[in-house]
Amino acid sequence: MNTKSIENPLSELISDEIFDILDSRGLINKKSVRDYMIRKRFDSLRNNELSAGEAIEKIQKDYPYLQFDSIRKIIYNRPQA
């Protein structure tokens, strides 16, 4: 039986099939994916004209184990392209 471990949060970058293969082999860094999703959500909230503080507070509701400052660091310390 082929069961997915997690939904593909990178669907705009890679196919579900490739994500599943990488995930099944332990090649997906879940923390990096979480940070990517946080940055993406922050950008979306800011585009909806929320202040940075309000956007971080909304994100914190989705990730209650992260402190405000931790989310802020994730958002503003983006990896260099």
Protein backbone atom coordinates (compact mmCIF):
# COMPACT_ATOMS: atom_id res chain seq x y z
CA MET A 1 0.00 0.00 0.00
CA ASN A 2 1.40 3.40 -0.99
CA THR A 3 0.51 6.00 1.65
CA LYS A 4 1.66 9.59 1.65
CA SER A 5 3.47 10.67 4.78
CA ILE A 6 2.62 14.36 4.33
CA GLU A 7 0.86 16.53 1.77
CA ASN A 8 3.19 18.09 -0.80
CA PRO A 9 3.69 21.67 0.40
CA LEU A 10 6.07 22.28 -2.51
CA SER A 11 3.58 21.46 -5.27
CA GLU A 12 4.37 24.68 -7.16
CA LEU A 13 8.04 23.61 -7.29
CA ILE A 14 8.02 19.81 -7.65
CA SER A 15 5.46 17.16 -8.53
CA ASP A 16 3.70 15.08 -5.87
CA GLU A 17 5.43 11.97 -7.19
CA ILE A 18 8.92 13.44 -6.83
CA PHE A 19 8.07 14.84 -3.41
CA ASP A 20 6.84 11.41 -2.28
CA ILE A 21 10.02 9.74 -3.54
CA LEU A 22 12.28 12.26 -1.83
CA ASP A 23 10.25 12.09 1.38
CA SER A 24 10.23 8.28 1.44
CA ARG A 25 14.03 8.33 1.22
CA GLY A 26 14.39 10.88 4.00
CA LEU A 27 15.63 13.59 1.65
CA ILE A 28 13.09 16.26 2.62
CA ASN A 29 14.24 18.62 5.35
CA LYS A 30 10.94 19.15 7.16
CA LYS A 31 12.22 22.21 9.06
CA SER A 32 13.25 23.91 5.83
CA VAL A 33 9.88 23.11 4.25
CA ARG A 34 8.12 24.53 7.35
CA ASP A 35 10.23 27.69 7.12
CA TYR A 36 9.44 28.01 3.40
CA MET A 37 5.72 27.70 4.15
CA ILE A 38 5.97 30.33 6.91
CA ARG A 39 7.71 32.77 4.53
CA LYS A 40 5.13 32.11 1.83
CA ARG A 41 2.24 32.69 4.27
CA PHE A 42 3.88 35.86 5.60
CA ASP A 43 4.24 37.27 2.08
CA SER A 44 0.61 36.45 1.35
CA LEU A 45 -0.60 38.12 4.55
CA ARG A 46 1.51 41.20 3.89
CA ASN A 47 0.09 41.40 0.35
CA ASN A 48 -3.35 41.51 2.02
CA GLU A 49 -2.16 44.66 3.79
CA LEU A 50 -1.66 43.24 7.27
CA SER A 51 1.13 44.75 9.30
CA ALA A 52 4.21 42.60 9.83
CA GLY A 53 3.31 42.14 13.50
CA GLU A 54 -0.26 41.08 12.71
CA ALA A 55 0.98 38.66 10.05
CA ILE A 56 3.43 37.08 12.48
CA GLU A 57 0.69 36.76 15.12
CA LYS A 58 -1.56 34.94 12.62
CA ILE A 59 1.29 32.61 11.67
CA GLN A 60 1.99 31.97 15.36
CA LYS A 61 -1.55 30.59 15.72
CA ASP A 62 -0.63 27.93 13.13
CA TYR A 63 2.69 27.19 14.81
CA PRO A 64 2.05 27.76 18.55
CA TYR A 65 5.32 26.04 19.48
CA LEU A 66 7.26 28.89 17.80
CA GLN A 67 7.80 32.16 19.61
CA PHE A 68 7.15 35.50 17.90
CA ASP A 69 10.90 36.20 17.60
CA SER A 70 11.56 32.75 16.12
CA ILE A 71 9.00 33.38 13.38
CA ARG A 72 10.47 36.83 12.78
CA LYS A 73 13.94 35.30 12.34
CA ILE A 74 12.58 32.70 9.91
CA ILE A 75 10.92 35.42 7.85
CA TYR A 76 13.75 37.94 7.75
CA ASN A 77 16.72 35.55 7.56
CA ARG A 78 15.85 34.17 4.13
CA PRO A 79 18.37 31.89 2.44
CA GLN A 80 20.49 33.57 -0.20
CA ALA A 81 19.57 32.58 -3.74
